[in-house]
Amino acid sequence: MDYVKIPSVGRNEPCICGSGKKYKKCCLQLHNQRKRWEQVEDKLRGSFKEFYNSDRFSLELEYAKKQFGISIEGLSVENYFMTGICMIIP
């Protein structure tokens, strides 16, 4: 997955967000936290794509069409998960 690259900036330089604060007192913690979650997000995206390519996805999509009367022609995988029509069945 491609992420927005954070420019290289020293801890004591002005923050790249433009706040006027030092980077270490402003966005450094946020950027460090973001780095920690990238692997988790990649794994989750992989699980979503695996589900999207499975037979179960097609079955649940047909169920949603009937249940909610939704036209979902041309719906991308990202939009499918954002609509909230994904039924999680154990």
PDB file of N, CA and C in Angstrom:
ATOM      1  N   MET A   1       0.850  -1.175   0.000  1.00  0.00           N
ATOM      2  CA  MET A   1       0.000   0.000   0.000  1.00  0.00           C
ATOM      3  C   MET A   1       0.889   1.228   0.000  1.00  0.00           C
ATOM      4  N   ASP A   2       0.533   2.229  -0.782  1.00  0.00           N
ATOM      5  CA  ASP A   2       1.292   3.468  -0.836  1.00  0.00           C
ATOM      6  C   ASP A   2       0.749   4.445   0.188  1.00  0.00           C
ATOM      7  N   TYR A   3       1.625   4.998   0.963  1.00  0.00           N
ATOM      8  CA  TYR A   3       1.246   5.962   1.981  1.00  0.00           C
ATOM      9  C   TYR A   3       1.815   7.318   1.621  1.00  0.00           C
ATOM     10  N   VAL A   4       1.244   8.337   2.194  1.00  0.00           N
ATOM     11  CA  VAL A   4       1.784   9.673   2.017  1.00  0.00           C
ATOM     12  C   VAL A   4       3.127   9.713   2.729  1.00  0.00           C
ATOM     13  N   LYS A   5       4.129  10.121   2.008  1.00  0.00           N
ATOM     14  CA  LYS A   5       5.467  10.188   2.593  1.00  0.00           C
ATOM     15  C   LYS A   5       5.572  11.422   3.484  1.00  0.00           C
ATOM     16  N   ILE A   6       6.085  11.224   4.684  1.00  0.00           N
ATOM     17  CA  ILE A   6       6.303  12.332   5.604  1.00  0.00           C
ATOM     18  C   ILE A   6       7.692  12.879   5.309  1.00  0.00           C
ATOM     19  N   PRO A   7       7.783  14.166   4.994  1.00  0.00           N
ATOM     20  CA  PRO A   7       9.100  14.729   4.686  1.00  0.00           C
ATOM     21  C   PRO A   7      10.062  14.567   5.853  1.00  0.00           C
ATOM     22  N   SER A   8      11.324  14.430   5.522  1.00  0.00           N
ATOM     23  CA  SER A   8      12.341  14.317   6.557  1.00  0.00           C
ATOM     24  C   SER A   8      12.488  15.672   7.231  1.00  0.00           C
ATOM     25  N   VAL A   9      12.320  15.670   8.530  1.00  0.00           N
ATOM     26  CA  VAL A   9      12.420  16.912   9.297  1.00  0.00           C
ATOM     27  C   VAL A   9      13.057  16.587  10.640  1.00  0.00           C
ATOM     28  N   GLY A  10      13.931  17.455  11.081  1.00  0.00           N
ATOM     29  CA  GLY A  10      14.584  17.261  12.375  1.00  0.00           C
ATOM     30  C   GLY A  10      13.630  17.572  13.518  1.00  0.00           C
ATOM     31  N   ARG A  11      13.870  16.957  14.657  1.00  0.00           N
ATOM     32  CA  ARG A  11      13.000  17.139  15.822  1.00  0.00           C
ATOM     33  C   ARG A  11      12.883  18.596  16.255  1.00  0.00           C
ATOM     34  N   ASN A  12      13.953  19.355  16.118  1.00  0.00           N
ATOM     35  CA  ASN A  12      13.966  20.739  16.591  1.00  0.00           C
ATOM     36  C   ASN A  12      13.633  21.766  15.506  1.00  0.00           C
ATOM     37  N   GLU A  13      13.334  21.290  14.308  1.00  0.00           N
ATOM     38  CA  GLU A  13      12.952  22.195  13.223  1.00  0.00           C
ATOM     39  C   GLU A  13      11.478  22.555  13.356  1.00  0.00           C
ATOM     40  N   PRO A  14      11.053  23.624  12.674  1.00  0.00           N
ATOM     41  CA  PRO A  14       9.623  23.960  12.694  1.00  0.00           C
ATOM     42  C   PRO A  14       8.787  22.818  12.113  1.00  0.00           C
ATOM     43  N   CYS A  15       7.620  22.615  12.662  1.00  0.00           N
ATOM     44  CA  CYS A  15       6.760  21.515  12.232  1.00  0.00           C
ATOM     45  C   CYS A  15       6.300  21.722  10.790  1.00  0.00           C
ATOM     46  N   ILE A  16       6.156  20.613  10.083  1.00  0.00           N
ATOM     47  CA  ILE A  16       5.757  20.668   8.681  1.00  0.00           C
ATOM     48  C   ILE A  16       4.291  21.032   8.499  1.00  0.00           C
ATOM     49  N   CYS A  17       3.520  21.042   9.586  1.00  0.00           N
ATOM     50  CA  CYS A  17       2.095  21.390   9.478  1.00  0.00           C
ATOM     51  C   CYS A  17       1.882  22.901   9.418  1.00  0.00           C
ATOM     52  N   GLY A  18       2.929  23.649   9.742  1.00  0.00           N
ATOM     53  CA  GLY A  18       2.826  25.108   9.669  1.00  0.00           C
ATOM     54  C   GLY A  18       2.344  25.764  10.947  1.00  0.00           C
ATOM     55  N   SER A  19       2.303  25.031  12.029  1.00  0.00           N
ATOM     56  CA  SER A  19       1.810  25.588  13.297  1.00  0.00           C
ATOM     57  C   SER A  19       2.772  26.591  13.931  1.00  0.00           C
ATOM     58  N   GLY A  20       4.036  26.511  13.553  1.00  0.00           N
ATOM     59  CA  GLY A  20       5.040  27.375  14.168  1.00  0.00           C
ATOM     60  C   GLY A  20       5.728  26.714  15.352  1.00  0.00           C
ATOM     61  N   LYS A  21       5.203  25.584  15.813  1.00  0.00           N
ATOM     62  CA  LYS A  21       5.821  24.863  16.924  1.00  0.00           C
ATOM     63  C   LYS A  21       6.968  24.009  16.397  1.00  0.00           C
ATOM     64  N   LYS A  22       7.814  23.570  17.324  1.00  0.00           N
ATOM     65  CA  LYS A  22       8.841  22.608  16.944  1.00  0.00           C
ATOM     66  C   LYS A  22       8.156  21.287  16.602  1.00  0.00           C
ATOM     67  N   TYR A  23       8.749  20.581  15.645  1.00  0.00           N
ATOM     68  CA  TYR A  23       8.202  19.298  15.195  1.00  0.00           C
ATOM     69  C   TYR A  23       8.010  18.326  16.352  1.00  0.00           C
ATOM     70  N   LYS A  24       8.988  18.257  17.267  1.00  0.00           N
ATOM     71  CA  LYS A  24       8.903  17.309  18.381  1.00  0.00           C
ATOM     72  C   LYS A  24       7.754  17.625  19.335  1.00  0.00           C
ATOM     73  N   LYS A  25       7.316  18.888  19.384  1.00  0.00           N
ATOM     74  CA  LYS A  25       6.223  19.294  20.274  1.00  0.00           C
ATOM     75  C   LYS A  25       4.880  19.308  19.559  1.00  0.00           C
ATOM     76  N   CYS A  26       4.887  19.016  18.259  1.00  0.00           N
ATOM     77  CA  CYS A  26       3.658  19.139  17.480  1.00  0.00           C
ATOM     78  C   CYS A  26       3.256  17.784  16.871  1.00  0.00           C
ATOM     79  N   CYS A  27       3.794  17.440  15.731  1.00  0.00           N
ATOM     80  CA  CYS A  27       3.312  16.280  14.964  1.00  0.00           C
ATOM     81  C   CYS A  27       4.173  15.025  15.061  1.00  0.00           C
ATOM     82  N   LEU A  28       5.302  15.082  15.755  1.00  0.00           N
ATOM     83  CA  LEU A  28       6.183  13.914  15.820  1.00  0.00           C
ATOM     84  C   LEU A  28       5.475  12.692  16.381  1.00  0.00           C
ATOM     85  N   GLN A  29       4.756  12.855  17.496  1.00  0.00           N
ATOM     86  CA  GLN A  29       4.050  11.719  18.100  1.00  0.00           C
ATOM     87  C   GLN A  29       3.014  11.137  17.146  1.00  0.00           C
ATOM     88  N   LEU A  30       2.266  12.007  16.486  1.00  0.00           N
ATOM     89  CA  LEU A  30       1.252  11.554  15.529  1.00  0.00           C
ATOM     90  C   LEU A  30       1.884  10.743  14.410  1.00  0.00           C
ATOM     91  N   HIS A  31       2.989  11.204  13.868  1.00  0.00           N
ATOM     92  CA  HIS A  31       3.654  10.494  12.781  1.00  0.00           C
ATOM     93  C   HIS A  31       4.209   9.160  13.252  1.00  0.00           C
ATOM     94  N   ASN A  32       4.740   9.105  14.477  1.00  0.00           N
ATOM     95  CA  ASN A  32       5.232   7.835  15.017  1.00  0.00           C
ATOM     96  C   ASN A  32       4.098   6.835  15.224  1.00  0.00           C
ATOM     97  N   GLN A  33       2.955   7.307  15.715  1.00  0.00           N
ATOM     98  CA  GLN A  33       1.803   6.426  15.886  1.00  0.00           C
ATOM     99  C   GLN A  33       1.319   5.913  14.539  1.00  0.00           C
ATOM    100  N   ARG A  34       1.294   6.759  13.544  1.00  0.00           N
ATOM    101  CA  ARG A  34       0.845   6.385  12.208  1.00  0.00           C
ATOM    102  C   ARG A  34       1.706   5.255  11.648  1.00  0.00           C
ATOM    103  N   LYS A  35       3.015   5.336  11.844  1.00  0.00           N
ATOM    104  CA  LYS A  35       3.924   4.300  11.358  1.00  0.00           C
ATOM    105  C   LYS A  35       3.604   2.941  11.982  1.00  0.00           C
ATOM    106  N   ARG A  36       3.223   2.952  13.275  1.00  0.00           N
ATOM    107  CA  ARG A  36       2.928   1.692  13.968  1.00  0.00           C
ATOM    108  C   ARG A  36       1.693   1.000  13.412  1.00  0.00           C
ATOM    109  N   TRP A  37       0.728   1.772  12.912  1.00  0.00           N
ATOM    110  CA  TRP A  37      -0.528   1.187  12.457  1.00  0.00           C
ATOM    111  C   TRP A  37      -0.522   0.765  10.992  1.00  0.00           C
ATOM    112  N   GLU A  38       0.499   1.137  10.227  1.00  0.00           N
ATOM    113  CA  GLU A  38       0.519   0.832   8.801  1.00  0.00           C
ATOM    114  C   GLU A  38       0.431  -0.665   8.537  1.00  0.00           C
ATOM    115  N   GLN A  39       1.176  -1.480   9.286  1.00  0.00           N
ATOM    116  CA  GLN A  39       1.145  -2.935   9.073  1.00  0.00           C
ATOM    117  C   GLN A  39      -0.226  -3.508   9.394  1.00  0.00           C
ATOM    118  N   VAL A  40      -0.852  -3.021  10.449  1.00  0.00           N
ATOM    119  CA  VAL A  40      -2.186  -3.499  10.825  1.00  0.00           C
ATOM    120  C   VAL A  40      -3.192  -3.144   9.730  1.00  0.00           C
ATOM    121  N   GLU A  41      -3.099  -1.930   9.228  1.00  0.00           N
ATOM    122  CA  GLU A  41      -4.014  -1.506   8.171  1.00  0.00           C
ATOM    123  C   GLU A  41      -3.804  -2.315   6.899  1.00  0.00           C
ATOM    124  N   ASP A  42      -2.561  -2.611   6.558  1.00  0.00           N
ATOM    125  CA  ASP A  42      -2.286  -3.434   5.376  1.00  0.00           C
ATOM    126  C   ASP A  42      -2.914  -4.820   5.518  1.00  0.00           C
ATOM    127  N   LYS A  43      -2.790  -5.400   6.706  1.00  0.00           N
ATOM    128  CA  LYS A  43      -3.361  -6.723   6.944  1.00  0.00           C
ATOM    129  C   LYS A  43      -4.886  -6.680   6.833  1.00  0.00           C
ATOM    130  N   LEU A  44      -5.498  -5.638   7.384  1.00  0.00           N
ATOM    131  CA  LEU A  44      -6.944  -5.491   7.313  1.00  0.00           C
ATOM    132  C   LEU A  44      -7.415  -5.299   5.868  1.00  0.00           C
ATOM    133  N   ARG A  45      -6.690  -4.451   5.120  1.00  0.00           N
ATOM    134  CA  ARG A  45      -7.035  -4.264   3.705  1.00  0.00           C
ATOM    135  C   ARG A  45      -6.930  -5.582   2.946  1.00  0.00           C
ATOM    136  N   GLY A  46      -5.899  -6.377   3.249  1.00  0.00           N
ATOM    137  CA  GLY A  46      -5.740  -7.682   2.606  1.00  0.00           C
ATOM    138  C   GLY A  46      -6.909  -8.604   2.920  1.00  0.00           C
ATOM    139  N   SER A  47      -7.371  -8.578   4.165  1.00  0.00           N
ATOM    140  CA  SER A  47      -8.529  -9.407   4.549  1.00  0.00           C
ATOM    141  C   SER A  47      -9.785  -8.965   3.821  1.00  0.00           C
ATOM    142  N   PHE A  48      -9.968  -7.647   3.682  1.00  0.00           N
ATOM    143  CA  PHE A  48     -11.129  -7.136   2.947  1.00  0.00           C
ATOM    144  C   PHE A  48     -11.088  -7.585   1.488  1.00  0.00           C
ATOM    145  N   LYS A  49      -9.912  -7.488   0.875  1.00  0.00           N
ATOM    146  CA  LYS A  49      -9.796  -7.880  -0.529  1.00  0.00           C
ATOM    147  C   LYS A  49     -10.003  -9.383  -0.705  1.00  0.00           C
ATOM    148  N   GLU A  50      -9.510 -10.161   0.247  1.00  0.00           N
ATOM    149  CA  GLU A  50      -9.719 -11.613   0.201  1.00  0.00           C
ATOM    150  C   GLU A  50     -11.208 -11.934   0.295  1.00  0.00           C
ATOM    151  N   PHE A  51     -11.896 -11.252   1.190  1.00  0.00           N
ATOM    152  CA  PHE A  51     -13.342 -11.436   1.331  1.00  0.00           C
ATOM    153  C   PHE A  51     -14.065 -11.010   0.061  1.00  0.00           C
ATOM    154  N   TYR A  52     -13.647  -9.884  -0.506  1.00  0.00           N
ATOM    155  CA  TYR A  52     -14.269  -9.363  -1.722  1.00  0.00           C
ATOM    156  C   TYR A  52     -14.173 -10.366  -2.863  1.00  0.00           C
ATOM    157  N   ASN A  53     -13.085 -11.108  -2.928  1.00  0.00           N
ATOM    158  CA  ASN A  53     -12.886 -12.083  -3.999  1.00  0.00           C
ATOM    159  C   ASN A  53     -13.479 -13.452  -3.682  1.00  0.00           C
ATOM    160  N   SER A  54     -14.110 -13.599  -2.537  1.00  0.00           N
ATOM    161  CA  SER A  54     -14.656 -14.893  -2.134  1.00  0.00           C
ATOM    162  C   SER A  54     -16.105 -15.067  -2.604  1.00  0.00           C
ATOM    163  N   ASP A  55     -16.572 -16.317  -2.574  1.00  0.00           N
ATOM    164  CA  ASP A  55     -17.968 -16.609  -2.917  1.00  0.00           C
ATOM    165  C   ASP A  55     -18.912 -15.996  -1.883  1.00  0.00           C
ATOM    166  N   ARG A  56     -18.482 -15.926  -0.655  1.00  0.00           N
ATOM    167  CA  ARG A  56     -19.322 -15.370   0.414  1.00  0.00           C
ATOM    168  C   ARG A  56     -19.702 -13.919   0.136  1.00  0.00           C
ATOM    169  N   PHE A  57     -18.779 -13.165  -0.425  1.00  0.00           N
ATOM    170  CA  PHE A  57     -19.057 -11.772  -0.757  1.00  0.00           C
ATOM    171  C   PHE A  57     -20.228 -11.694  -1.739  1.00  0.00           C
ATOM    172  N   SER A  58     -20.183 -12.505  -2.782  1.00  0.00           N
ATOM    173  CA  SER A  58     -21.257 -12.490  -3.778  1.00  0.00           C
ATOM    174  C   SER A  58     -22.596 -12.848  -3.155  1.00  0.00           C
ATOM    175  N   LEU A  59     -22.600 -13.840  -2.276  1.00  0.00           N
ATOM    176  CA  LEU A  59     -23.838 -14.235  -1.611  1.00  0.00           C
ATOM    177  C   LEU A  59     -24.389 -13.113  -0.740  1.00  0.00           C
ATOM    178  N   GLU A  60     -23.521 -12.468   0.019  1.00  0.00           N
ATOM    179  CA  GLU A  60     -23.978 -11.391   0.886  1.00  0.00           C
ATOM    180  C   GLU A  60     -24.411 -10.168   0.094  1.00  0.00           C
ATOM    181  N   LEU A  61     -23.775  -9.949  -1.036  1.00  0.00           N
ATOM    182  CA  LEU A  61     -24.157  -8.835  -1.881  1.00  0.00           C
ATOM    183  C   LEU A  61     -25.549  -9.060  -2.464  1.00  0.00           C
ATOM    184  N   GLU A  62     -25.829 -10.272  -2.895  1.00  0.00           N
ATOM    185  CA  GLU A  62     -27.166 -10.605  -3.396  1.00  0.00           C
ATOM    186  C   GLU A  62     -28.211 -10.464  -2.289  1.00  0.00           C
ATOM    187  N   TYR A  63     -27.872 -10.904  -1.093  1.00  0.00           N
ATOM    188  CA  TYR A  63     -28.771 -10.767   0.048  1.00  0.00           C
ATOM    189  C   TYR A  63     -29.085  -9.295   0.314  1.00  0.00           C
ATOM    190  N   ALA A  64     -28.031  -8.459   0.280  1.00  0.00           N
ATOM    191  CA  ALA A  64     -28.219  -7.025   0.538  1.00  0.00           C
ATOM    192  C   ALA A  64     -29.108  -6.392  -0.518  1.00  0.00           C
ATOM    193  N   LYS A  65     -28.919  -6.777  -1.770  1.00  0.00           N
ATOM    194  CA  LYS A  65     -29.762  -6.240  -2.847  1.00  0.00           C
ATOM    195  C   LYS A  65     -31.225  -6.541  -2.590  1.00  0.00           C
ATOM    196  N   LYS A  66     -31.506  -7.781  -2.214  1.00  0.00           N
ATOM    197  CA  LYS A  66     -32.891  -8.185  -1.963  1.00  0.00           C
ATOM    198  C   LYS A  66     -33.437  -7.544  -0.694  1.00  0.00           C
ATOM    199  N   GLN A  67     -32.651  -7.556   0.342  1.00  0.00           N
ATOM    200  CA  GLN A  67     -33.092  -7.073   1.643  1.00  0.00           C
ATOM    201  C   GLN A  67     -33.343  -5.567   1.666  1.00  0.00           C
ATOM    202  N   PHE A  68     -32.443  -4.819   1.025  1.00  0.00           N
ATOM    203  CA  PHE A  68     -32.499  -3.369   1.133  1.00  0.00           C
ATOM    204  C   PHE A  68     -32.922  -2.668  -0.156  1.00  0.00           C
ATOM    205  N   GLY A  69     -33.089  -3.423  -1.227  1.00  0.00           N
ATOM    206  CA  GLY A  69     -33.496  -2.823  -2.495  1.00  0.00           C
ATOM    207  C   GLY A  69     -32.486  -1.820  -3.014  1.00  0.00           C
ATOM    208  N   ILE A  70     -31.209  -2.148  -2.860  1.00  0.00           N
ATOM    209  CA  ILE A  70     -30.148  -1.231  -3.250  1.00  0.00           C
ATOM    210  C   ILE A  70     -29.581  -1.640  -4.605  1.00  0.00           C
ATOM    211  N   SER A  71     -29.415  -0.651  -5.468  1.00  0.00           N
ATOM    212  CA  SER A  71     -28.727  -0.899  -6.727  1.00  0.00           C
ATOM    213  C   SER A  71     -27.250  -0.688  -6.481  1.00  0.00           C
ATOM    214  N   ILE A  72     -26.465  -1.717  -6.711  1.00  0.00           N
ATOM    215  CA  ILE A  72     -25.045  -1.633  -6.399  1.00  0.00           C
ATOM    216  C   ILE A  72     -24.191  -1.927  -7.620  1.00  0.00           C
ATOM    217  N   GLU A  73     -24.721  -1.687  -8.782  1.00  0.00           N
ATOM    218  CA  GLU A  73     -23.959  -1.916 -10.001  1.00  0.00           C
ATOM    219  C   GLU A  73     -22.749  -0.997 -10.030  1.00  0.00           C
ATOM    220  N   GLY A  74     -21.607  -1.543 -10.346  1.00  0.00           N
ATOM    221  CA  GLY A  74     -20.386  -0.752 -10.463  1.00  0.00           C
ATOM    222  C   GLY A  74     -19.808  -0.273  -9.145  1.00  0.00           C
ATOM    223  N   LEU A  75     -20.265  -0.836  -8.038  1.00  0.00           N
ATOM    224  CA  LEU A  75     -19.777  -0.411  -6.725  1.00  0.00           C
ATOM    225  C   LEU A  75     -18.382  -0.984  -6.502  1.00  0.00           C
ATOM    226  N   SER A  76     -17.435  -0.135  -6.155  1.00  0.00           N
ATOM    227  CA  SER A  76     -16.067  -0.600  -5.917  1.00  0.00           C
ATOM    228  C   SER A  76     -15.975  -1.249  -4.534  1.00  0.00           C
ATOM    229  N   VAL A  77     -14.922  -2.007  -4.314  1.00  0.00           N
ATOM    230  CA  VAL A  77     -14.754  -2.682  -3.027  1.00  0.00           C
ATOM    231  C   VAL A  77     -14.660  -1.672  -1.894  1.00  0.00           C
ATOM    232  N   GLU A  78     -13.998  -0.536  -2.137  1.00  0.00           N
ATOM    233  CA  GLU A  78     -13.883   0.477  -1.083  1.00  0.00           C
ATOM    234  C   GLU A  78     -15.254   1.041  -0.744  1.00  0.00           C
ATOM    235  N   ASN A  79     -16.044   1.349  -1.770  1.00  0.00           N
ATOM    236  CA  ASN A  79     -17.379   1.891  -1.531  1.00  0.00           C
ATOM    237  C   ASN A  79     -18.299   0.862  -0.886  1.00  0.00           C
ATOM    238  N   TYR A  80     -18.125  -0.415  -1.229  1.00  0.00           N
ATOM    239  CA  TYR A  80     -18.949  -1.467  -0.635  1.00  0.00           C
ATOM    240  C   TYR A  80     -18.804  -1.458   0.874  1.00  0.00           C
ATOM    241  N   PHE A  81     -17.579  -1.396   1.351  1.00  0.00           N
ATOM    242  CA  PHE A  81     -17.361  -1.432   2.794  1.00  0.00           C
ATOM    243  C   PHE A  81     -17.752  -0.130   3.460  1.00  0.00           C
ATOM    244  N   MET A  82     -17.753   0.968   2.724  1.00  0.00           N
ATOM    245  CA  MET A  82     -18.123   2.256   3.305  1.00  0.00           C
ATOM    246  C   MET A  82     -19.642   2.432   3.393  1.00  0.00           C
ATOM    247  N   THR A  83     -20.414   1.670   2.596  1.00  0.00           N
ATOM    248  CA  THR A  83     -21.870   1.833   2.610  1.00  0.00           C
ATOM    249  C   THR A  83     -22.505   1.206   3.846  1.00  0.00           C
ATOM    250  N   GLY A  84     -21.795   0.272   4.482  1.00  0.00           N
ATOM    251  CA  GLY A  84     -22.341  -0.359   5.672  1.00  0.00           C
ATOM    252  C   GLY A  84     -23.301  -1.494   5.351  1.00  0.00           C
ATOM    253  N   ILE A  85     -23.352  -1.932   4.093  1.00  0.00           N
ATOM    254  CA  ILE A  85     -24.261  -3.034   3.759  1.00  0.00           C
ATOM    255  C   ILE A  85     -23.592  -4.387   3.921  1.00  0.00           C
ATOM    256  N   CYS A  86     -22.350  -4.384   4.312  1.00  0.00           N
ATOM    257  CA  CYS A  86     -21.631  -5.635   4.507  1.00  0.00           C
ATOM    258  C   CYS A  86     -22.178  -6.342   5.754  1.00  0.00           C
ATOM    259  N   MET A  87     -22.702  -7.534   5.583  1.00  0.00           N
ATOM    260  CA  MET A  87     -23.233  -8.296   6.699  1.00  0.00           C
ATOM    261  C   MET A  87     -22.148  -9.229   7.219  1.00  0.00           C
ATOM    262  N   ILE A  88     -21.799  -9.083   8.462  1.00  0.00           N
ATOM    263  CA  ILE A  88     -20.785  -9.944   9.060  1.00  0.00           C
ATOM    264  C   ILE A  88     -21.489 -11.130   9.679  1.00  0.00           C
ATOM    265  N   ILE A  89     -21.271 -12.289   9.073  1.00  0.00           N
ATOM    266  CA  ILE A  89     -21.901 -13.531   9.543  1.00  0.00           C
ATOM    267  C   ILE A  89     -20.803 -14.469  10.006  1.00  0.00           C
ATOM    268  N   PRO A  90     -20.837 -14.898  11.265  1.00  0.00           N
ATOM    269  CA  PRO A  90     -19.773 -15.799  11.752  1.00  0.00           C
ATOM    270  C   PRO A  90     -19.783 -17.127  11.053  1.00  0.00           C
TER     271      PRO A  90
END
